[in-house]
Amino acid sequence: MEYILKKKEDGTTITVRDVQKVLLEMMLDIDKVCKKNHIEYFLVSGSALGAVRHHGFIPWDDDLDIGMMASEFPKFIEALERDLPGQYVFHCFEKNKKYIVTWPAMKIRKKGTYLKEVNTLLQNKCKDSDGLFIDVFLYDYMAKHTLPDLPLRLVNTILTPIIIFFENINFNPKLLKRMFRGVARLNGKLNRHSKYIGDDLTWTYRNPLKPYRYLYTDVFPTKRISFEGHMLPVPNNDKHYLTAHFGPDYMTPPPEEKRAPKHIVDIEL
């Protein structure tokens, strides 16, 4: 089935598959940077599910997400500054204080493209590019049980709407952003001897009582499996990772009426 994202005035269309082809090119370029600089990352969420269930993209998926440990992130930024091809730009708070910290930790965008997201509450503040992007999520150590992490998790859950409010009245709350990122790093340091990891505390769009939690050894060392004919990394125990994320029936696709792209409002490639 063809999933059409945009019909142009000249009668041509942009489909989900068109977007996926560009995302794959971007991902392979990012993978080269990571290989060269010995940075361990992995496909996450629906991208990991696509790799396992479809050996590539989920046919109706219109984005691509990767993750890495927070400890790898500074090294990754340095590698991108040095080795990322010129057709890309990356946005993150470390390099641009206008970046919205309640988003994933980084967006790597392709110049010369344009993407408008379904989410209209938070508009891109980094004005050098609104291009098609790959999201980079950070993972960090967390407690085995929910309660020890809960106070700091609630701090960031409360900070999120406050930061979003200021962003939407065009005021850049840099101090709150630093606090938001600092809380996440603090929680990781407090749990640095834990056997468990999960989305770091800057990702607050989930019930704070039910965070995703994985054994470190379920993710690392990562393994490479076929993704659109290329070998890309996924969590080592993909069964445990995907069961935690999507439930035990993750290999069963949703009903046909629920198979639809969900991120893109407008697109130019």
Protein backbone atom coordinates (compact mmCIF):
# COMPACT_ATOMS: atom_id res chain seq x y z
CA MET A 1 0.00 0.00 0.00
CA GLU A 2 1.19 3.52 -0.84
CA TYR A 3 0.92 6.09 1.95
CA ILE A 4 0.68 9.56 0.41
CA LEU A 5 1.89 12.47 2.55
CA LYS A 6 1.46 15.28 0.04
CA LYS A 7 -0.15 15.90 -3.34
CA LYS A 8 1.47 18.74 -5.27
CA GLU A 9 -0.23 21.11 -7.67
CA ASP A 10 1.51 19.46 -10.63
CA GLY A 11 -0.10 16.15 -9.70
CA THR A 12 3.02 14.51 -8.27
CA THR A 13 3.05 13.11 -4.77
CA ILE A 14 5.43 12.62 -1.86
CA THR A 15 4.89 9.28 -0.17
CA VAL A 16 6.06 7.76 3.08
CA ARG A 17 8.40 5.60 1.02
CA ASP A 18 9.97 8.71 -0.53
CA VAL A 19 10.66 10.03 2.98
CA GLN A 20 12.03 6.67 4.11
CA LYS A 21 14.53 6.61 1.25
CA VAL A 22 15.95 9.99 2.32
CA LEU A 23 15.97 8.97 6.00
CA LEU A 24 17.89 5.82 5.10
CA GLU A 25 20.53 7.87 3.26
CA MET A 26 20.82 10.11 6.31
CA MET A 27 21.06 7.14 8.67
CA LEU A 28 23.84 5.50 6.66
CA ASP A 29 25.84 8.75 6.75
CA ILE A 30 25.34 9.00 10.52
CA ASP A 31 26.31 5.35 10.90
CA LYS A 32 29.60 6.04 9.11
CA VAL A 33 30.36 8.85 11.58
CA CYS A 34 29.58 6.56 14.52
CA LYS A 35 31.70 3.72 13.16
CA LYS A 36 34.64 6.02 12.50
CA ASN A 37 34.50 7.45 16.03
CA HIS A 38 33.60 4.21 17.86
CA ILE A 39 30.27 5.54 19.12
CA GLU A 40 27.74 2.90 20.13
CA TYR A 41 24.17 3.80 19.21
CA PHE A 42 21.07 1.80 18.30
CA LEU A 43 17.72 2.07 16.58
CA VAL A 44 14.98 2.76 19.10
CA SER A 45 11.21 2.53 19.43
CA GLY A 46 9.39 2.08 16.11
CA SER A 47 12.65 2.07 14.17
CA ALA A 48 13.87 -0.92 16.20
CA LEU A 49 10.48 -2.58 15.76
CA GLY A 50 10.69 -2.03 12.01
CA ALA A 51 14.15 -3.59 11.90
CA VAL A 52 12.99 -6.73 13.71
CA ARG A 53 9.48 -7.13 12.27
CA HIS A 54 9.95 -5.75 8.74
CA HIS A 55 13.74 -5.86 8.26
CA GLY A 56 13.50 -2.13 7.57
CA PHE A 57 11.01 0.64 8.09
CA ILE A 58 7.50 -0.08 9.25
CA PRO A 59 5.77 0.57 5.90
CA TRP A 60 3.66 3.45 7.25
CA ASP A 61 6.35 4.94 9.54
CA ASP A 62 7.45 8.45 8.56
CA ASP A 63 10.37 8.98 10.94
CA LEU A 64 13.56 7.35 12.21
CA ASP A 65 14.89 7.43 15.77
CA ILE A 66 18.20 6.42 17.31
CA GLY A 67 19.43 6.29 20.89
CA MET A 68 22.68 6.22 22.81
CA MET A 69 23.91 6.45 26.38
CA ALA A 70 24.14 10.00 27.72
CA SER A 71 27.82 9.39 28.38
CA GLU A 72 28.39 8.98 24.62
CA PHE A 73 26.62 12.21 23.69
CA PRO A 74 29.52 14.70 24.13
CA LYS A 75 31.73 12.46 22.02
CA PHE A 76 28.96 12.20 19.41
CA ILE A 77 28.66 15.99 19.20
CA GLU A 78 32.41 16.30 18.63
CA ALA A 79 32.27 13.61 15.95
CA LEU A 80 29.41 15.34 14.12
CA GLU A 81 31.24 18.67 14.17
CA ARG A 82 34.25 17.00 12.62
CA ASP A 83 32.80 14.38 10.27
CA LEU A 84 29.12 15.04 9.48
CA PRO A 85 28.74 15.64 5.71
CA GLY A 86 27.97 19.20 4.65
CA GLN A 87 24.41 18.48 3.53
CA TYR A 88 23.36 18.12 7.15
CA VAL A 89 23.04 20.29 10.23
CA PHE A 90 22.45 19.15 13.80
CA HIS A 91 20.57 20.94 16.55
CA CYS A 92 21.02 20.41 20.29
CA PHE A 93 21.02 22.54 23.43
CA GLU A 94 24.76 22.11 23.86
CA LYS A 95 25.38 24.03 20.63
CA ASN A 96 22.32 26.27 20.41
CA LYS A 97 20.61 27.52 23.57
CA LYS A 98 17.44 28.14 21.53
CA TYR A 99 16.98 24.41 21.10
CA ILE A 100 13.85 23.06 22.78
CA VAL A 101 15.08 20.70 25.51
CA THR A 102 11.75 18.89 25.90
CA TRP A 103 12.34 17.46 22.42
CA PRO A 104 14.76 14.55 21.96
CA ALA A 105 18.33 15.53 22.81
CA MET A 106 19.22 16.20 19.17
CA LYS A 107 17.75 16.52 15.70
CA ILE A 108 20.00 15.87 12.71
CA ARG A 109 18.44 17.62 9.71
CA LYS A 110 19.00 17.50 5.97
CA LYS A 111 19.52 20.87 4.35
CA GLY A 112 17.37 21.73 1.35
CA THR A 113 14.37 19.80 2.66
CA TYR A 114 11.40 20.99 4.72
CA LEU A 115 9.23 19.28 7.29
CA LYS A 116 6.33 20.54 9.36
CA GLU A 117 5.40 18.26 12.25
CA VAL A 118 1.95 17.37 13.52
CA ASN A 119 3.00 18.85 16.87
CA THR A 120 2.27 22.57 16.50
CA LEU A 121 2.74 23.39 20.19
CA LEU A 122 6.52 23.57 19.89
CA GLN A 123 7.97 25.26 16.82
CA ASN A 124 11.60 24.85 15.80
CA LYS A 125 13.66 27.72 17.23
CA CYS A 126 16.87 26.85 15.34
CA LYS A 127 16.18 28.81 12.19
CA ASP A 128 19.03 27.61 10.00
CA SER A 129 17.00 24.54 8.97
CA ASP A 130 13.50 23.09 9.15
CA GLY A 131 14.62 20.03 7.24
CA LEU A 132 13.72 16.38 7.48
CA PHE A 133 15.37 14.98 10.60
CA ILE A 134 16.49 11.97 12.58
CA ASP A 135 15.87 12.19 16.34
CA VAL A 136 18.57 11.25 18.84
CA PHE A 137 17.33 10.06 22.25
CA LEU A 138 19.50 9.73 25.34
CA TYR A 139 19.48 6.76 27.68
CA ASP A 140 20.93 6.76 31.17
CA TYR A 141 21.15 4.65 34.30
CA MET A 142 18.03 4.40 36.43
CA ALA A 143 16.91 2.64 39.58
CA LYS A 144 15.54 -0.90 39.54
CA HIS A 145 12.27 0.38 41.02
CA THR A 146 10.25 3.49 40.25
CA LEU A 147 10.21 5.15 43.67
CA PRO A 148 13.90 6.16 43.99
CA ASP A 149 13.80 7.99 40.65
CA LEU A 150 10.37 9.50 41.16
CA PRO A 151 11.30 12.80 42.92
CA LEU A 152 13.70 13.91 40.17
CA ARG A 153 11.41 12.55 37.47
CA LEU A 154 8.55 14.63 38.88
CA VAL A 155 10.76 17.74 38.93
CA ASN A 156 11.26 17.44 35.18
CA THR A 157 7.64 16.49 34.61
CA ILE A 158 6.66 19.77 36.31
CA LEU A 159 9.34 21.77 34.48
CA THR A 160 8.18 20.55 31.06
CA PRO A 161 4.95 22.60 30.75
CA ILE A 162 6.67 25.64 32.29
CA ILE A 163 9.43 25.51 29.68
CA ILE A 164 6.88 24.96 26.92
CA PHE A 165 4.87 27.96 28.13
CA PHE A 166 7.88 30.27 27.96
CA GLU A 167 8.90 28.88 24.56
CA ASN A 168 5.44 29.68 23.22
CA ILE A 169 5.57 33.30 24.35
CA ASN A 170 8.97 33.60 22.62
CA PHE A 171 11.00 33.79 25.81
CA ASN A 172 14.00 31.49 26.02
CA PRO A 173 14.10 30.03 29.59
CA LYS A 174 17.78 29.08 29.47
CA LEU A 175 18.12 28.71 33.24
CA LEU A 176 15.16 26.32 33.40
CA LYS A 177 16.56 24.40 30.43
CA ARG A 178 19.91 23.97 32.19
CA MET A 179 18.09 22.80 35.30
CA PHE A 180 16.01 20.37 33.24
CA ARG A 181 19.10 18.84 31.64
CA GLY A 182 21.00 18.90 34.95
CA VAL A 183 18.28 16.95 36.74
CA ALA A 184 18.52 14.21 34.13
CA ARG A 185 22.32 14.00 34.42
CA LEU A 186 22.11 13.96 38.21
CA ASN A 187 19.70 11.05 38.17
CA GLY A 188 22.04 9.11 35.90
CA LYS A 189 24.99 9.77 38.20
CA LEU A 190 23.04 8.72 41.28
CA ASN A 191 22.22 5.41 39.58
CA ARG A 192 25.57 4.87 37.88
CA HIS A 193 26.02 1.50 39.60
CA SER A 194 22.58 0.24 38.58
CA LYS A 195 22.07 -2.64 36.17
CA TYR A 196 19.13 -0.78 34.58
CA ILE A 197 18.85 1.95 31.97
CA GLY A 198 16.01 3.81 30.28
CA ASP A 199 15.05 7.06 28.58
CA ASP A 200 16.81 9.81 30.47
CA LEU A 201 14.72 12.22 32.54
CA THR A 202 14.46 14.82 29.76
CA TRP A 203 11.83 12.60 28.11
CA THR A 204 8.75 13.31 30.19
CA TYR A 205 5.95 12.38 27.77
CA ARG A 206 5.12 9.20 29.64
CA ASN A 207 3.46 8.34 32.91
CA PRO A 208 6.22 8.99 35.51
CA LEU A 209 5.05 5.91 37.39
CA LYS A 210 5.57 3.69 34.35
CA PRO A 211 8.92 4.54 32.74
CA TYR A 212 10.49 2.22 30.21
CA ARG A 213 13.19 0.24 32.00
CA TYR A 214 15.68 -2.25 30.55
CA LEU A 215 18.61 -4.23 31.84
CA TYR A 216 21.80 -2.66 30.53
CA THR A 217 22.71 -6.08 29.15
CA ASP A 218 19.44 -6.19 27.20
CA VAL A 219 20.70 -3.25 25.15
CA PHE A 220 24.49 -3.49 25.18
CA PRO A 221 26.49 -4.62 23.43
CA THR A 222 24.25 -3.81 20.50
CA LYS A 223 23.96 -6.15 17.53
CA ARG A 224 23.54 -5.40 13.86
CA ILE A 225 20.66 -6.79 11.84
CA SER A 226 19.33 -6.19 8.35
CA PHE A 227 17.55 -2.87 7.82
CA GLU A 228 16.57 -2.08 4.24
CA GLY A 229 19.45 -4.22 3.03
CA HIS A 230 22.01 -2.65 5.37
CA MET A 231 23.24 -3.77 8.77
CA LEU A 232 22.24 -1.35 11.53
CA PRO A 233 22.40 -1.73 15.34
CA VAL A 234 19.49 -2.68 17.59
CA PRO A 235 19.39 -3.65 21.29
CA ASN A 236 21.19 -6.91 22.00
CA ASN A 237 18.08 -8.58 23.46
CA ASP A 238 15.59 -7.06 21.04
CA LYS A 239 12.83 -9.35 22.32
CA HIS A 240 13.02 -7.94 25.86
CA TYR A 241 13.43 -4.37 24.59
CA LEU A 242 10.46 -4.53 22.22
CA THR A 243 8.27 -6.39 24.70
CA ALA A 244 8.89 -3.63 27.26
CA HIS A 245 8.07 -1.01 24.62
CA PHE A 246 5.16 -2.55 22.73
CA GLY A 247 4.00 -5.61 24.66
CA PRO A 248 4.47 -9.33 23.97
CA ASP A 249 2.56 -9.27 20.65
CA TYR A 250 4.90 -6.73 19.04
CA MET A 251 5.41 -9.00 16.01
CA THR A 252 1.73 -8.68 15.12
CA PRO A 253 1.03 -5.54 13.03
CA PRO A 254 -1.91 -3.35 14.08
CA PRO A 255 -5.24 -3.53 12.24
CA GLU A 256 -5.11 -2.03 8.76
CA GLU A 257 -7.22 0.99 9.75
CA LYS A 258 -4.53 1.98 12.28
CA ARG A 259 -1.66 1.80 9.80
CA ALA A 260 -1.03 5.45 9.02
CA PRO A 261 1.82 7.97 9.16
CA LYS A 262 1.50 10.24 12.18
CA HIS A 263 4.32 12.81 12.30
CA ILE A 264 4.24 14.92 9.12
CA VAL A 265 1.86 17.73 8.16
CA ASP A 266 3.88 19.17 5.26
CA ILE A 267 7.01 17.94 3.51
CA GLU A 268 9.42 18.94 0.75
CA LEU A 269 12.30 16.74 -0.35
